[in-house]
PDB file of N, CA and C in Angstrom:
ATOM      1  N   UNK A   1     -95.097 -84.708 -23.596  1.00  0.00           N
ATOM      2  CA  UNK A   1     -95.673 -83.667 -23.890  1.00  0.00           C
ATOM      3  C   UNK A   1     -96.044 -83.115 -22.171  1.00  0.00           C
ATOM      4  N   UNK A   2     -96.382 -83.955 -21.447  1.00  0.00           N
ATOM      5  CA  UNK A   2     -96.324 -83.445 -19.925  1.00  0.00           C
ATOM      6  C   UNK A   2     -95.120 -82.992 -19.347  1.00  0.00           C
ATOM      7  N   UNK A   3     -93.927 -83.697 -19.587  1.00  0.00           N
ATOM      8  CA  UNK A   3     -92.832 -83.197 -19.136  1.00  0.00           C
ATOM      9  C   UNK A   3     -92.412 -81.806 -19.520  1.00  0.00           C
ATOM     10  N   UNK A   4     -92.675 -81.813 -20.994  1.00  0.00           N
ATOM     11  CA  UNK A   4     -92.414 -80.391 -21.498  1.00  0.00           C
ATOM     12  C   UNK A   4     -93.080 -79.250 -20.882  1.00  0.00           C
ATOM     13  N   UNK A   5     -94.340 -79.637 -20.331  1.00  0.00           N
ATOM     14  CA  UNK A   5     -95.466 -78.565 -19.941  1.00  0.00           C
ATOM     15  C   UNK A   5     -94.834 -78.202 -18.478  1.00  0.00           C
ATOM     16  N   UNK A   6     -94.591 -79.504 -17.802  1.00  0.00           N
ATOM     17  CA  UNK A   6     -94.069 -79.010 -16.467  1.00  0.00           C
ATOM     18  C   UNK A   6     -92.629 -78.173 -16.255  1.00  0.00           C
ATOM     19  N   UNK A   7     -91.679 -78.422 -17.340  1.00  0.00           N
ATOM     20  CA  UNK A   7     -90.533 -77.884 -17.496  1.00  0.00           C
ATOM     21  C   UNK A   7     -90.832 -76.198 -17.803  1.00  0.00           C
ATOM     22  N   UNK A   8     -91.747 -76.022 -18.557  1.00  0.00           N
ATOM     23  CA  UNK A   8     -92.229 -74.753 -19.225  1.00  0.00           C
ATOM     24  C   UNK A   8     -92.954 -74.021 -18.117  1.00  0.00           C
ATOM     25  N   UNK A   9     -93.576 -74.679 -17.147  1.00  0.00           N
ATOM     26  CA  UNK A   9     -94.221 -73.896 -15.900  1.00  0.00           C
ATOM     27  C   UNK A   9     -93.189 -73.645 -14.954  1.00  0.00           C
ATOM     28  N   UNK A  10     -92.180 -74.506 -14.758  1.00  0.00           N
ATOM     29  CA  UNK A  10     -91.014 -74.148 -14.021  1.00  0.00           C
ATOM     30  C   UNK A  10     -90.473 -73.097 -14.279  1.00  0.00           C
ATOM     31  N   UNK A  11     -90.047 -72.950 -15.546  1.00  0.00           N
ATOM     32  CA  UNK A  11     -89.355 -71.552 -16.112  1.00  0.00           C
ATOM     33  C   UNK A  11     -90.129 -70.538 -15.765  1.00  0.00           C
ATOM     34  N   UNK A  12     -91.484 -70.348 -16.127  1.00  0.00           N
ATOM     35  CA  UNK A  12     -92.110 -69.367 -15.887  1.00  0.00           C
ATOM     36  C   UNK A  12     -92.196 -68.702 -14.319  1.00  0.00           C
ATOM     37  N   UNK A  13     -92.226 -70.071 -13.429  1.00  0.00           N
ATOM     38  CA  UNK A  13     -92.079 -69.529 -12.095  1.00  0.00           C
ATOM     39  C   UNK A  13     -90.908 -68.912 -11.803  1.00  0.00           C
ATOM     40  N   UNK A  14     -89.888 -69.327 -12.041  1.00  0.00           N
ATOM     41  CA  UNK A  14     -88.291 -68.902 -11.971  1.00  0.00           C
ATOM     42  C   UNK A  14     -87.968 -67.565 -12.585  1.00  0.00           C
ATOM     43  N   UNK A  15     -88.792 -67.123 -13.908  1.00  0.00           N
ATOM     44  CA  UNK A  15     -88.421 -66.028 -14.741  1.00  0.00           C
ATOM     45  C   UNK A  15     -89.158 -64.680 -13.816  1.00  0.00           C
ATOM     46  N   UNK A  16     -88.292 -63.634 -13.871  1.00  0.00           N
ATOM     47  CA  UNK A  16     -88.782 -62.257 -13.294  1.00  0.00           C
ATOM     48  C   UNK A  16     -88.961 -61.249 -14.307  1.00  0.00           C
ATOM     49  N   UNK A  17     -89.626 -60.244 -14.145  1.00  0.00           N
ATOM     50  CA  UNK A  17     -89.844 -59.310 -15.116  1.00  0.00           C
ATOM     51  C   UNK A  17     -88.677 -58.514 -14.832  1.00  0.00           C
ATOM     52  N   UNK A  18     -87.979 -57.899 -15.867  1.00  0.00           N
ATOM     53  CA  UNK A  18     -86.742 -57.185 -16.014  1.00  0.00           C
ATOM     54  C   UNK A  18     -86.988 -55.944 -15.387  1.00  0.00           C
ATOM     55  N   UNK A  19     -86.011 -55.375 -14.688  1.00  0.00           N
ATOM     56  CA  UNK A  19     -85.976 -54.079 -14.134  1.00  0.00           C
ATOM     57  C   UNK A  19     -86.059 -52.978 -15.157  1.00  0.00           C
ATOM     58  N   UNK A  20     -86.279 -51.775 -15.004  1.00  0.00           N
ATOM     59  CA  UNK A  20     -86.303 -50.739 -15.960  1.00  0.00           C
ATOM     60  C   UNK A  20     -84.843 -50.592 -16.598  1.00  0.00           C
ATOM     61  N   UNK A  21     -84.041 -50.571 -15.492  1.00  0.00           N
ATOM     62  CA  UNK A  21     -82.466 -50.472 -15.918  1.00  0.00           C
ATOM     63  C   UNK A  21     -81.909 -51.751 -16.808  1.00  0.00           C
ATOM     64  N   UNK A  22     -82.586 -52.871 -16.594  1.00  0.00           N
ATOM     65  CA  UNK A  22     -82.050 -54.076 -17.436  1.00  0.00           C
ATOM     66  C   UNK A  22     -82.686 -53.933 -18.803  1.00  0.00           C
ATOM     67  N   UNK A  23     -83.922 -53.365 -18.948  1.00  0.00           N
ATOM     68  CA  UNK A  23     -84.764 -53.057 -20.116  1.00  0.00           C
ATOM     69  C   UNK A  23     -84.181 -52.235 -20.921  1.00  0.00           C
ATOM     70  N   UNK A  24     -83.426 -51.175 -20.286  1.00  0.00           N
ATOM     71  CA  UNK A  24     -82.821 -49.841 -21.294  1.00  0.00           C
ATOM     72  C   UNK A  24     -81.749 -50.674 -21.903  1.00  0.00           C
ATOM     73  N   UNK A  25     -80.963 -51.244 -21.077  1.00  0.00           N
ATOM     74  CA  UNK A  25     -79.511 -52.089 -21.468  1.00  0.00           C
ATOM     75  C   UNK A  25     -79.648 -53.142 -22.797  1.00  0.00           C
ATOM     76  N   UNK A  26     -80.797 -53.783 -22.654  1.00  0.00           N
ATOM     77  CA  UNK A  26     -81.367 -54.482 -23.688  1.00  0.00           C
ATOM     78  C   UNK A  26     -81.535 -53.606 -24.959  1.00  0.00           C
ATOM     79  N   UNK A  27     -82.354 -52.702 -24.840  1.00  0.00           N
ATOM     80  CA  UNK A  27     -82.805 -51.778 -25.550  1.00  0.00           C
ATOM     81  C   UNK A  27     -81.504 -51.101 -26.597  1.00  0.00           C
ATOM     82  N   UNK A  28     -80.693 -50.767 -25.662  1.00  0.00           N
ATOM     83  CA  UNK A  28     -79.505 -49.989 -26.173  1.00  0.00           C
ATOM     84  C   UNK A  28     -78.711 -51.116 -26.963  1.00  0.00           C
ATOM     85  N   UNK A  29     -78.486 -52.281 -26.290  1.00  0.00           N
ATOM     86  CA  UNK A  29     -77.481 -53.353 -27.057  1.00  0.00           C
ATOM     87  C   UNK A  29     -78.479 -53.874 -28.335  1.00  0.00           C
ATOM     88  N   UNK A  30     -79.556 -54.182 -28.348  1.00  0.00           N
ATOM     89  CA  UNK A  30     -80.288 -54.391 -29.460  1.00  0.00           C
ATOM     90  C   UNK A  30     -80.110 -53.359 -30.477  1.00  0.00           C
ATOM     91  N   UNK A  31     -80.300 -52.319 -30.130  1.00  0.00           N
ATOM     92  CA  UNK A  31     -80.278 -51.047 -31.141  1.00  0.00           C
ATOM     93  C   UNK A  31     -79.045 -50.907 -31.724  1.00  0.00           C
ATOM     94  N   UNK A  32     -77.894 -51.037 -30.877  1.00  0.00           N
ATOM     95  CA  UNK A  32     -76.381 -50.828 -31.478  1.00  0.00           C
ATOM     96  C   UNK A  32     -76.225 -52.080 -32.421  1.00  0.00           C
ATOM     97  N   UNK A  33     -76.942 -53.244 -32.049  1.00  0.00           N
ATOM     98  CA  UNK A  33     -76.634 -54.432 -33.234  1.00  0.00           C
ATOM     99  C   UNK A  33     -77.353 -54.172 -34.257  1.00  0.00           C
ATOM    100  N   UNK A  34     -78.373 -53.594 -34.443  1.00  0.00           N
ATOM    101  CA  UNK A  34     -79.041 -53.162 -35.725  1.00  0.00           C
ATOM    102  C   UNK A  34     -78.389 -52.437 -36.527  1.00  0.00           C
ATOM    103  N   UNK A  35     -78.123 -51.330 -35.761  1.00  0.00           N
ATOM    104  CA  UNK A  35     -77.154 -50.075 -36.376  1.00  0.00           C
ATOM    105  C   UNK A  35     -75.722 -50.609 -37.062  1.00  0.00           C
ATOM    106  N   UNK A  36     -75.285 -51.446 -36.492  1.00  0.00           N
ATOM    107  CA  UNK A  36     -73.984 -51.942 -37.025  1.00  0.00           C
ATOM    108  C   UNK A  36     -74.356 -53.225 -38.107  1.00  0.00           C
ATOM    109  N   UNK A  37     -75.459 -53.900 -37.992  1.00  0.00           N
ATOM    110  CA  UNK A  37     -75.598 -54.694 -39.069  1.00  0.00           C
ATOM    111  C   UNK A  37     -76.174 -53.853 -40.663  1.00  0.00           C
ATOM    112  N   UNK A  38     -76.946 -52.989 -39.978  1.00  0.00           N
ATOM    113  CA  UNK A  38     -77.538 -52.053 -41.239  1.00  0.00           C
ATOM    114  C   UNK A  38     -76.209 -51.353 -41.936  1.00  0.00           C
ATOM    115  N   UNK A  39     -75.446 -50.887 -41.004  1.00  0.00           N
ATOM    116  CA  UNK A  39     -74.190 -50.054 -41.748  1.00  0.00           C
ATOM    117  C   UNK A  39     -73.197 -50.890 -42.493  1.00  0.00           C
ATOM    118  N   UNK A  40     -72.949 -52.107 -42.040  1.00  0.00           N
ATOM    119  CA  UNK A  40     -72.301 -53.172 -42.629  1.00  0.00           C
ATOM    120  C   UNK A  40     -73.119 -53.365 -44.017  1.00  0.00           C
ATOM    121  N   UNK A  41     -74.284 -53.523 -44.035  1.00  0.00           N
ATOM    122  CA  UNK A  41     -75.053 -53.894 -45.232  1.00  0.00           C
ATOM    123  C   UNK A  41     -74.915 -52.596 -46.082  1.00  0.00           C
ATOM    124  N   UNK A  42     -75.068 -51.557 -45.863  1.00  0.00           N
ATOM    125  CA  UNK A  42     -75.027 -50.388 -46.574  1.00  0.00           C
ATOM    126  C   UNK A  42     -73.584 -50.166 -47.166  1.00  0.00           C
ATOM    127  N   UNK A  43     -72.458 -50.239 -46.358  1.00  0.00           N
ATOM    128  CA  UNK A  43     -70.985 -50.599 -46.777  1.00  0.00           C
ATOM    129  C   UNK A  43     -70.904 -51.682 -48.179  1.00  0.00           C
ATOM    130  N   UNK A  44     -71.468 -52.909 -47.745  1.00  0.00           N
ATOM    131  CA  UNK A  44     -71.300 -53.895 -48.777  1.00  0.00           C
ATOM    132  C   UNK A  44     -71.823 -53.311 -49.832  1.00  0.00           C
ATOM    133  N   UNK A  45     -73.279 -52.864 -49.866  1.00  0.00           N
ATOM    134  CA  UNK A  45     -74.018 -52.624 -50.954  1.00  0.00           C
ATOM    135  C   UNK A  45     -72.988 -51.717 -52.012  1.00  0.00           C
ATOM    136  N   UNK A  46     -72.592 -50.619 -51.389  1.00  0.00           N
ATOM    137  CA  UNK A  46     -72.068 -49.529 -51.912  1.00  0.00           C
ATOM    138  C   UNK A  46     -70.640 -50.145 -52.400  1.00  0.00           C
ATOM    139  N   UNK A  47     -69.836 -51.191 -51.855  1.00  0.00           N
ATOM    140  CA  UNK A  47     -68.794 -51.545 -52.455  1.00  0.00           C
ATOM    141  C   UNK A  47     -68.967 -52.288 -53.596  1.00  0.00           C
ATOM    142  N   UNK A  48     -70.111 -53.382 -53.493  1.00  0.00           N
ATOM    143  CA  UNK A  48     -70.513 -54.038 -54.636  1.00  0.00           C
ATOM    144  C   UNK A  48     -70.991 -53.586 -55.841  1.00  0.00           C
ATOM    145  N   UNK A  49     -71.930 -52.161 -55.528  1.00  0.00           N
ATOM    146  CA  UNK A  49     -72.380 -51.545 -56.677  1.00  0.00           C
ATOM    147  C   UNK A  49     -71.099 -50.771 -57.332  1.00  0.00           C
ATOM    148  N   UNK A  50     -70.086 -50.453 -56.571  1.00  0.00           N
ATOM    149  CA  UNK A  50     -68.971 -49.703 -57.714  1.00  0.00           C
ATOM    150  C   UNK A  50     -68.235 -50.941 -58.331  1.00  0.00           C
ATOM    151  N   UNK A  51     -68.050 -52.306 -57.808  1.00  0.00           N
ATOM    152  CA  UNK A  51     -67.261 -53.254 -58.583  1.00  0.00           C
ATOM    153  C   UNK A  51     -68.312 -53.723 -59.713  1.00  0.00           C
TER     154      UNK A  51
END
C-alpha cells in the first residue's frame, strides 16, 4: 500500500495541467468519437429495424 501511495504521489508531481490548446484538441477528439459511435448506433438500429 505504501508503494502505491509513493508511486501515486510521484505521478501527481510529474503531471501538468493541459494548456488551452491541448484541452480543445482533447474535446474535439472525444466529441468526434462520440458522434461516430452515435452515428454507428443509429445506422445499426435502422438496419436491424428494417430486417
